[in-house]
Amino acid sequence: MNLRPLLPALLVACLVGCQAEEPKTAKPAVSPVNSGAPGMSSAADGPGPKVAASVAQIPAELKHAAFDYYGLGNEEPMDMEVRTTADAGVRTGSQITRFKGLEDGKALYQVERTGGLTELLGQMDVTLEADGIYVKSSSVAKVGERDVEMPAKLDPGTTWEARTVVDQPGRELNVLVKFTVVGEQSITTPKGPRNALLVTSTGNGTMMTKNVRMDSKSWYVKGVGMVKSELKFTDAAGKASTITIQEAK
């Protein structure tokens, strides 16, 4: 499970969308369905790369730290919950990362989401390469030619930058974020105690033409993916809003 490049998009979706709706109570996740949205394949898409039987066929040189902590070897769906200061409700949904095959030395994956996660984050495709993981497409944010999702090496002190751009009426966002690997630490989620890799971020940009600052903390469990993330948005007046997304019990 990972939402790294879409956390700013998640924030703007919640701050705008949640304020326009009545608070929602938790709903059970449903099984992933191919909606035909960007980032999802369908029969009409035509032939794609040859599908490998399992992630076991991925070359050893691609199974670096990012592969492990991003959870690309995790073929089980993850139930998640989203809470925000914008309302008192809880949004729920599930995510599953599907290995689609190998192409030109790269491993291709589809990230499928259901329930509230579909509404807020949409679907996305990523590629696993020797130097890291890259976003190939997203149904809710613009994707550059080489958008780094996560570098291959995740030693403490490692940094990288990524820009998130959302160009939807009433939800415009443009923010440049710098990420830093802090290191392993113990956390607790609804599923219990976890030993996880902490990655923090800080960024500045504009949301609906207004200056914003964004800070986040995300925890990744080796072999599982991201199990918790806290995102804080502060406007020019100093007013803060937060979102917490974490694995559900």
C-alpha atoms as a PDB file:
ATOM      1  CA  MET A   1       0.000   0.000   0.000  1.00  0.00           C
ATOM      2  CA  ASN A   2       1.309   3.397  -0.882  1.00  0.00           C
ATOM      3  CA  LEU A   3      -0.161   6.842  -1.491  1.00  0.00           C
ATOM      4  CA  ARG A   4       2.974   8.949  -1.424  1.00  0.00           C
ATOM      5  CA  PRO A   5       2.540  11.049  -4.574  1.00  0.00           C
ATOM      6  CA  LEU A   6      -1.211  11.386  -4.045  1.00  0.00           C
ATOM      7  CA  LEU A   7      -1.258  12.528  -0.419  1.00  0.00           C
ATOM      8  CA  PRO A   8      -1.504  16.200  -1.436  1.00  0.00           C
ATOM      9  CA  ALA A   9      -4.289  15.267  -3.852  1.00  0.00           C
ATOM     10  CA  LEU A  10      -6.000  13.361  -1.047  1.00  0.00           C
ATOM     11  CA  LEU A  11      -5.805  16.430   1.142  1.00  0.00           C
ATOM     12  CA  VAL A  12      -7.332  18.797  -1.387  1.00  0.00           C
ATOM     13  CA  ALA A  13     -10.049  16.239  -2.191  1.00  0.00           C
ATOM     14  CA  CYS A  14     -10.959  15.940   1.476  1.00  0.00           C
ATOM     15  CA  LEU A  15     -10.765  19.631   2.292  1.00  0.00           C
ATOM     16  CA  VAL A  16     -12.940  20.538  -0.689  1.00  0.00           C
ATOM     17  CA  GLY A  17     -15.154  17.486  -1.065  1.00  0.00           C
ATOM     18  CA  CYS A  18     -15.675  16.681   2.587  1.00  0.00           C
ATOM     19  CA  GLN A  19     -16.821  20.182   3.416  1.00  0.00           C
ATOM     20  CA  ALA A  20     -19.495  19.922   0.748  1.00  0.00           C
ATOM     21  CA  GLU A  21     -20.865  16.631   2.047  1.00  0.00           C
ATOM     22  CA  GLU A  22     -22.435  15.282   5.191  1.00  0.00           C
ATOM     23  CA  PRO A  23     -19.971  13.281   7.323  1.00  0.00           C
ATOM     24  CA  LYS A  24     -19.858   9.660   6.239  1.00  0.00           C
ATOM     25  CA  THR A  25     -19.760   6.633   8.474  1.00  0.00           C
ATOM     26  CA  ALA A  26     -17.495   3.707   7.802  1.00  0.00           C
ATOM     27  CA  LYS A  27     -18.633   1.361   5.052  1.00  0.00           C
ATOM     28  CA  PRO A  28     -17.252  -2.084   4.261  1.00  0.00           C
ATOM     29  CA  ALA A  29     -14.860  -2.258   1.327  1.00  0.00           C
ATOM     30  CA  VAL A  30     -15.993  -3.959  -1.852  1.00  0.00           C
ATOM     31  CA  SER A  31     -14.013  -6.111  -4.213  1.00  0.00           C
ATOM     32  CA  PRO A  32     -11.881  -4.285  -6.805  1.00  0.00           C
ATOM     33  CA  VAL A  33     -13.686  -3.698 -10.086  1.00  0.00           C
ATOM     34  CA  ASN A  34     -12.088  -2.479 -13.295  1.00  0.00           C
ATOM     35  CA  SER A  35     -13.779   0.857 -13.868  1.00  0.00           C
ATOM     36  CA  GLY A  36     -11.971   1.713 -17.081  1.00  0.00           C
ATOM     37  CA  ALA A  37     -10.584   4.863 -15.424  1.00  0.00           C
ATOM     38  CA  PRO A  38      -7.034   6.031 -16.182  1.00  0.00           C
ATOM     39  CA  GLY A  39      -4.577   3.769 -14.471  1.00  0.00           C
ATOM     40  CA  MET A  40      -6.813   0.743 -15.000  1.00  0.00           C
ATOM     41  CA  SER A  41      -6.718  -1.676 -17.904  1.00  0.00           C
ATOM     42  CA  SER A  42      -9.719  -3.110 -19.700  1.00  0.00           C
ATOM     43  CA  ALA A  43     -10.375  -5.403 -22.624  1.00  0.00           C
ATOM     44  CA  ALA A  44     -10.717  -2.344 -24.857  1.00  0.00           C
ATOM     45  CA  ASP A  45      -7.160  -1.287 -24.093  1.00  0.00           C
ATOM     46  CA  GLY A  46      -5.783  -3.918 -26.459  1.00  0.00           C
ATOM     47  CA  PRO A  47      -2.965  -6.357 -25.804  1.00  0.00           C
ATOM     48  CA  GLY A  48      -0.544  -5.417 -23.036  1.00  0.00           C
ATOM     49  CA  PRO A  49       2.745  -6.887 -21.864  1.00  0.00           C
ATOM     50  CA  LYS A  50       2.931 -10.601 -21.262  1.00  0.00           C
ATOM     51  CA  VAL A  51       1.585 -11.296 -17.787  1.00  0.00           C
ATOM     52  CA  ALA A  52       3.937 -13.218 -15.539  1.00  0.00           C
ATOM     53  CA  ALA A  53       2.529 -15.904 -13.268  1.00  0.00           C
ATOM     54  CA  SER A  54       3.760 -14.310 -10.056  1.00  0.00           C
ATOM     55  CA  VAL A  55       6.112 -11.759  -8.545  1.00  0.00           C
ATOM     56  CA  ALA A  56       8.592 -14.618  -8.162  1.00  0.00           C
ATOM     57  CA  GLN A  57       9.500 -14.027 -11.817  1.00  0.00           C
ATOM     58  CA  ILE A  58      10.753 -10.505 -11.125  1.00  0.00           C
ATOM     59  CA  PRO A  59      14.559 -10.306 -11.572  1.00  0.00           C
ATOM     60  CA  ALA A  60      16.645 -10.133  -8.405  1.00  0.00           C
ATOM     61  CA  GLU A  61      18.130  -6.770  -9.415  1.00  0.00           C
ATOM     62  CA  LEU A  62      14.664  -5.201  -9.160  1.00  0.00           C
ATOM     63  CA  LYS A  63      14.006  -6.509  -5.654  1.00  0.00           C
ATOM     64  CA  HIS A  64      15.670  -3.607  -3.868  1.00  0.00           C
ATOM     65  CA  ALA A  65      14.642  -1.745  -0.713  1.00  0.00           C
ATOM     66  CA  ALA A  66      11.887   0.199  -2.477  1.00  0.00           C
ATOM     67  CA  PHE A  67      10.369  -3.058  -3.769  1.00  0.00           C
ATOM     68  CA  ASP A  68      10.220  -4.368  -0.199  1.00  0.00           C
ATOM     69  CA  TYR A  69       8.971  -1.274   1.633  1.00  0.00           C
ATOM     70  CA  TYR A  70       6.543  -0.203  -1.084  1.00  0.00           C
ATOM     71  CA  GLY A  71       4.956  -3.631  -0.756  1.00  0.00           C
ATOM     72  CA  LEU A  72       5.201  -4.713  -4.387  1.00  0.00           C
ATOM     73  CA  GLY A  73       5.598  -8.302  -3.240  1.00  0.00           C
ATOM     74  CA  ASN A  74       2.390  -8.061  -1.206  1.00  0.00           C
ATOM     75  CA  GLU A  75      -0.424  -9.561  -3.277  1.00  0.00           C
ATOM     76  CA  GLU A  76      -3.069  -9.292  -0.539  1.00  0.00           C
ATOM     77  CA  PRO A  77      -5.643  -6.452  -0.415  1.00  0.00           C
ATOM     78  CA  MET A  78      -5.223  -3.935   2.401  1.00  0.00           C
ATOM     79  CA  ASP A  79      -8.216  -2.371   4.130  1.00  0.00           C
ATOM     80  CA  MET A  80      -7.617   1.282   4.986  1.00  0.00           C
ATOM     81  CA  GLU A  81      -9.401   4.080   6.835  1.00  0.00           C
ATOM     82  CA  VAL A  82      -9.165   7.832   6.254  1.00  0.00           C
ATOM     83  CA  ARG A  83      -9.881  10.454   8.913  1.00  0.00           C
ATOM     84  CA  THR A  84      -9.696  14.211   8.447  1.00  0.00           C
ATOM     85  CA  THR A  85     -10.296  17.321  10.513  1.00  0.00           C
ATOM     86  CA  ALA A  86     -12.575  18.498   7.683  1.00  0.00           C
ATOM     87  CA  ASP A  87     -15.367  16.269   9.032  1.00  0.00           C
ATOM     88  CA  ALA A  88     -16.096  13.710  11.738  1.00  0.00           C
ATOM     89  CA  GLY A  89     -16.684  10.763   9.422  1.00  0.00           C
ATOM     90  CA  VAL A  90     -14.441   7.855   8.498  1.00  0.00           C
ATOM     91  CA  ARG A  91     -13.870   6.852   4.899  1.00  0.00           C
ATOM     92  CA  THR A  92     -12.909   3.264   4.238  1.00  0.00           C
ATOM     93  CA  GLY A  93     -11.690   1.318   1.269  1.00  0.00           C
ATOM     94  CA  SER A  94      -9.159  -1.236   0.174  1.00  0.00           C
ATOM     95  CA  GLN A  95      -6.121  -1.286  -2.071  1.00  0.00           C
ATOM     96  CA  ILE A  96      -4.378  -4.074  -3.913  1.00  0.00           C
ATOM     97  CA  THR A  97      -1.233  -3.868  -6.029  1.00  0.00           C
ATOM     98  CA  ARG A  98      -1.276  -6.242  -8.994  1.00  0.00           C
ATOM     99  CA  PHE A  99       1.834  -7.355 -10.879  1.00  0.00           C
ATOM    100  CA  LYS A 100       1.006  -7.181 -14.602  1.00  0.00           C
ATOM    101  CA  GLY A 101       4.215  -8.449 -16.169  1.00  0.00           C
ATOM    102  CA  LEU A 102       7.664  -7.489 -17.432  1.00  0.00           C
ATOM    103  CA  GLU A 103       8.396  -5.079 -20.268  1.00  0.00           C
ATOM    104  CA  ASP A 104      11.811  -3.764 -21.370  1.00  0.00           C
ATOM    105  CA  GLY A 105      13.399  -4.845 -18.103  1.00  0.00           C
ATOM    106  CA  LYS A 106      10.743  -3.103 -15.999  1.00  0.00           C
ATOM    107  CA  ALA A 107       8.041  -4.664 -13.820  1.00  0.00           C
ATOM    108  CA  LEU A 108       4.579  -3.178 -14.382  1.00  0.00           C
ATOM    109  CA  TYR A 109       1.989  -2.819 -11.626  1.00  0.00           C
ATOM    110  CA  GLN A 110      -1.576  -1.579 -11.310  1.00  0.00           C
ATOM    111  CA  VAL A 111      -2.719  -0.078  -8.015  1.00  0.00           C
ATOM    112  CA  GLU A 112      -6.459  -0.700  -7.662  1.00  0.00           C
ATOM    113  CA  ARG A 113      -8.557   0.993  -4.983  1.00  0.00           C
ATOM    114  CA  THR A 114     -12.122   0.509  -3.793  1.00  0.00           C
ATOM    115  CA  GLY A 115     -14.681   2.334  -1.669  1.00  0.00           C
ATOM    116  CA  GLY A 116     -13.653   5.704  -0.275  1.00  0.00           C
ATOM    117  CA  LEU A 117     -10.123   5.294  -1.588  1.00  0.00           C
ATOM    118  CA  THR A 118     -11.413   5.235  -5.167  1.00  0.00           C
ATOM    119  CA  GLU A 119     -13.328   8.462  -4.582  1.00  0.00           C
ATOM    120  CA  LEU A 120     -10.328  10.246  -3.089  1.00  0.00           C
ATOM    121  CA  LEU A 121      -7.303   8.691  -4.779  1.00  0.00           C
ATOM    122  CA  GLY A 122      -8.456   6.991  -7.953  1.00  0.00           C
ATOM    123  CA  GLN A 123      -6.263   4.392  -9.658  1.00  0.00           C
ATOM    124  CA  MET A 124      -2.630   4.415 -10.736  1.00  0.00           C
ATOM    125  CA  ASP A 125       0.070   2.486 -12.580  1.00  0.00           C
ATOM    126  CA  VAL A 126       3.701   2.283 -11.456  1.00  0.00           C
ATOM    127  CA  THR A 127       6.867   0.759 -12.874  1.00  0.00           C
ATOM    128  CA  LEU A 128       9.556  -0.999 -10.871  1.00  0.00           C
ATOM    129  CA  GLU A 129      13.010  -0.225 -12.239  1.00  0.00           C
ATOM    130  CA  ALA A 130      16.600  -0.804 -11.148  1.00  0.00           C
ATOM    131  CA  ASP A 131      16.908   2.677  -9.634  1.00  0.00           C
ATOM    132  CA  GLY A 132      13.482   2.868  -8.013  1.00  0.00           C
ATOM    133  CA  ILE A 133       9.732   3.052  -8.540  1.00  0.00           C
ATOM    134  CA  TYR A 134       8.103   5.522 -10.937  1.00  0.00           C
ATOM    135  CA  VAL A 135       4.516   6.687 -11.407  1.00  0.00           C
ATOM    136  CA  LYS A 136       3.307   5.865 -14.908  1.00  0.00           C
ATOM    137  CA  SER A 137      -0.284   7.134 -14.708  1.00  0.00           C
ATOM    138  CA  SER A 138      -2.859   8.412 -12.221  1.00  0.00           C
ATOM    139  CA  SER A 139      -6.558   9.081 -12.570  1.00  0.00           C
ATOM    140  CA  VAL A 140      -6.495  12.089 -10.196  1.00  0.00           C
ATOM    141  CA  ALA A 141      -3.154  13.858 -10.723  1.00  0.00           C
ATOM    142  CA  LYS A 142      -0.922  14.829 -13.616  1.00  0.00           C
ATOM    143  CA  VAL A 143       2.116  12.606 -14.100  1.00  0.00           C
ATOM    144  CA  GLY A 144       5.449  13.811 -15.453  1.00  0.00           C
ATOM    145  CA  GLU A 145       7.765  11.884 -17.732  1.00  0.00           C
ATOM    146  CA  ARG A 146       9.860  10.511 -14.829  1.00  0.00           C
ATOM    147  CA  ASP A 147       7.995  11.018 -11.541  1.00  0.00           C
ATOM    148  CA  VAL A 148       9.942   9.288  -8.770  1.00  0.00           C
ATOM    149  CA  GLU A 149       7.661   7.373  -6.442  1.00  0.00           C
ATOM    150  CA  MET A 150      10.446   5.949  -4.295  1.00  0.00           C
ATOM    151  CA  PRO A 151      14.210   5.521  -4.897  1.00  0.00           C
ATOM    152  CA  ALA A 152      15.760   2.056  -4.818  1.00  0.00           C
ATOM    153  CA  LYS A 153      17.939   2.807  -1.787  1.00  0.00           C
ATOM    154  CA  LEU A 154      16.259   3.923   1.434  1.00  0.00           C
ATOM    155  CA  ASP A 155      19.152   4.465   3.823  1.00  0.00           C
ATOM    156  CA  PRO A 156      18.530   7.035   6.603  1.00  0.00           C
ATOM    157  CA  GLY A 157      19.206  10.495   5.220  1.00  0.00           C
ATOM    158  CA  THR A 158      18.171   9.638   1.649  1.00  0.00           C
ATOM    159  CA  THR A 159      16.177  12.471   0.043  1.00  0.00           C
ATOM    160  CA  TRP A 160      14.231  13.007  -3.173  1.00  0.00           C
ATOM    161  CA  GLU A 161      11.701  15.455  -4.570  1.00  0.00           C
ATOM    162  CA  ALA A 162       8.357  15.069  -6.298  1.00  0.00           C
ATOM    163  CA  ARG A 163       5.762  17.482  -7.618  1.00  0.00           C
ATOM    164  CA  THR A 164       2.019  16.848  -7.387  1.00  0.00           C
ATOM    165  CA  VAL A 165      -0.264  18.689  -9.804  1.00  0.00           C
ATOM    166  CA  VAL A 166      -4.061  18.449  -9.745  1.00  0.00           C
ATOM    167  CA  ASP A 167      -5.930  20.403 -12.413  1.00  0.00           C
ATOM    168  CA  GLN A 168      -9.605  19.818 -11.678  1.00  0.00           C
ATOM    169  CA  PRO A 169     -12.224  22.589 -11.389  1.00  0.00           C
ATOM    170  CA  GLY A 170     -12.326  23.733  -7.775  1.00  0.00           C
ATOM    171  CA  ARG A 171      -9.476  21.404  -6.764  1.00  0.00           C
ATOM    172  CA  GLU A 172      -6.385  22.990  -8.301  1.00  0.00           C
ATOM    173  CA  LEU A 173      -3.124  22.029  -6.618  1.00  0.00           C
ATOM    174  CA  ASN A 174       0.567  22.458  -7.419  1.00  0.00           C
ATOM    175  CA  VAL A 175       3.068  21.530  -4.723  1.00  0.00           C
ATOM    176  CA  LEU A 176       6.738  20.516  -4.704  1.00  0.00           C
ATOM    177  CA  VAL A 177       7.616  18.164  -1.852  1.00  0.00           C
ATOM    178  CA  LYS A 178      10.986  16.999  -0.502  1.00  0.00           C
ATOM    179  CA  PHE A 179      11.084  13.546   1.122  1.00  0.00           C
ATOM    180  CA  THR A 180      13.603  12.329   3.712  1.00  0.00           C
ATOM    181  CA  VAL A 181      14.159   8.797   5.014  1.00  0.00           C
ATOM    182  CA  VAL A 182      14.430   8.929   8.817  1.00  0.00           C
ATOM    183  CA  GLY A 183      14.836   5.243   9.643  1.00  0.00           C
ATOM    184  CA  GLU A 184      13.135   2.328  11.378  1.00  0.00           C
ATOM    185  CA  GLN A 185      10.904   2.930  14.400  1.00  0.00           C
ATOM    186  CA  SER A 186       8.038   1.299  16.276  1.00  0.00           C
ATOM    187  CA  ILE A 187       4.461   2.461  15.682  1.00  0.00           C
ATOM    188  CA  THR A 188       0.989   1.164  16.484  1.00  0.00           C
ATOM    189  CA  THR A 189      -1.913   0.929  14.027  1.00  0.00           C
ATOM    190  CA  PRO A 190      -5.369  -0.618  14.495  1.00  0.00           C
ATOM    191  CA  LYS A 191      -3.743  -3.934  13.518  1.00  0.00           C
ATOM    192  CA  GLY A 192      -1.250  -3.681  16.378  1.00  0.00           C
ATOM    193  CA  PRO A 193       2.425  -2.784  16.868  1.00  0.00           C
ATOM    194  CA  ARG A 194       4.617  -2.488  13.791  1.00  0.00           C
ATOM    195  CA  ASN A 195       8.307  -1.968  13.064  1.00  0.00           C
ATOM    196  CA  ALA A 196       8.259   0.501  10.180  1.00  0.00           C
ATOM    197  CA  LEU A 197      10.452   2.799   8.103  1.00  0.00           C
ATOM    198  CA  LEU A 198       9.591   6.468   8.664  1.00  0.00           C
ATOM    199  CA  VAL A 199       9.695   8.845   5.696  1.00  0.00           C
ATOM    200  CA  THR A 200       8.940  12.527   6.304  1.00  0.00           C
ATOM    201  CA  SER A 201       8.217  15.295   3.833  1.00  0.00           C
ATOM    202  CA  THR A 202       7.871  19.062   3.630  1.00  0.00           C
ATOM    203  CA  GLY A 203       6.571  21.044   0.704  1.00  0.00           C
ATOM    204  CA  ASN A 204       5.249  24.368  -0.487  1.00  0.00           C
ATOM    205  CA  GLY A 205       2.985  25.377  -3.321  1.00  0.00           C
ATOM    206  CA  THR A 206      -0.511  26.571  -4.102  1.00  0.00           C
ATOM    207  CA  MET A 207      -3.950  25.102  -3.528  1.00  0.00           C
ATOM    208  CA  MET A 208      -6.787  26.828  -5.364  1.00  0.00           C
ATOM    209  CA  THR A 209      -4.392  29.781  -6.010  1.00  0.00           C
ATOM    210  CA  LYS A 210      -3.561  30.184  -2.295  1.00  0.00           C
ATOM    211  CA  ASN A 211      -0.137  29.509  -0.789  1.00  0.00           C
ATOM    212  CA  VAL A 212       0.095  26.334   1.274  1.00  0.00           C
ATOM    213  CA  ARG A 213       2.635  24.326   3.252  1.00  0.00           C
ATOM    214  CA  MET A 214       2.399  20.554   3.552  1.00  0.00           C
ATOM    215  CA  ASP A 215       4.165  18.259   6.002  1.00  0.00           C
ATOM    216  CA  SER A 216       3.809  14.501   6.264  1.00  0.00           C
ATOM    217  CA  LYS A 217       4.994  11.429   8.120  1.00  0.00           C
ATOM    218  CA  SER A 218       4.575   8.022   6.478  1.00  0.00           C
ATOM    219  CA  TRP A 219       5.450   4.594   7.846  1.00  0.00           C
ATOM    220  CA  TYR A 220       6.314   1.630   5.623  1.00  0.00           C
ATOM    221  CA  VAL A 221       6.501  -1.999   6.721  1.00  0.00           C
ATOM    222  CA  LYS A 222       8.877  -4.238   4.810  1.00  0.00           C
ATOM    223  CA  GLY A 223       6.954  -6.701   2.662  1.00  0.00           C
ATOM    224  CA  VAL A 224       3.638  -4.929   3.347  1.00  0.00           C
ATOM    225  CA  GLY A 225       3.775  -1.310   2.181  1.00  0.00           C
ATOM    226  CA  MET A 226       2.601   1.927   3.752  1.00  0.00           C
ATOM    227  CA  VAL A 227       0.550   1.231   6.881  1.00  0.00           C
ATOM    228  CA  LYS A 228       0.078   4.770   8.168  1.00  0.00           C
ATOM    229  CA  SER A 229       0.470   8.344   6.976  1.00  0.00           C
ATOM    230  CA  GLU A 230      -0.219  11.683   8.619  1.00  0.00           C
ATOM    231  CA  LEU A 231      -0.522  14.771   6.418  1.00  0.00           C
ATOM    232  CA  LYS A 232      -0.742  18.333   7.713  1.00  0.00           C
ATOM    233  CA  PHE A 233      -1.772  21.302   5.598  1.00  0.00           C
ATOM    234  CA  THR A 234      -1.155  24.870   6.804  1.00  0.00           C
ATOM    235  CA  ASP A 235      -2.540  27.874   4.949  1.00  0.00           C
ATOM    236  CA  ALA A 236      -1.033  31.352   4.762  1.00  0.00           C
ATOM    237  CA  ALA A 237      -2.976  32.418   7.856  1.00  0.00           C
ATOM    238  CA  GLY A 238      -1.503  29.581   9.915  1.00  0.00           C
ATOM    239  CA  LYS A 239      -4.694  27.501  10.036  1.00  0.00           C
ATOM    240  CA  ALA A 240      -3.897  23.776   9.945  1.00  0.00           C
ATOM    241  CA  SER A 241      -5.895  20.779   8.717  1.00  0.00           C
ATOM    242  CA  THR A 242      -4.814  17.153   8.979  1.00  0.00           C
ATOM    243  CA  ILE A 243      -5.506  13.789   7.390  1.00  0.00           C
ATOM    244  CA  THR A 244      -4.601  10.398   8.819  1.00  0.00           C
ATOM    245  CA  ILE A 245      -4.775   7.293   6.665  1.00  0.00           C
ATOM    246  CA  GLN A 246      -3.871   3.919   8.116  1.00  0.00           C
ATOM    247  CA  GLU A 247      -4.473   0.221   7.809  1.00  0.00           C
ATOM    248  CA  ALA A 248      -7.794  -0.853   9.313  1.00  0.00           C
ATOM    249  CA  LYS A 249      -8.191  -3.620  11.863  1.00  0.00           C
END
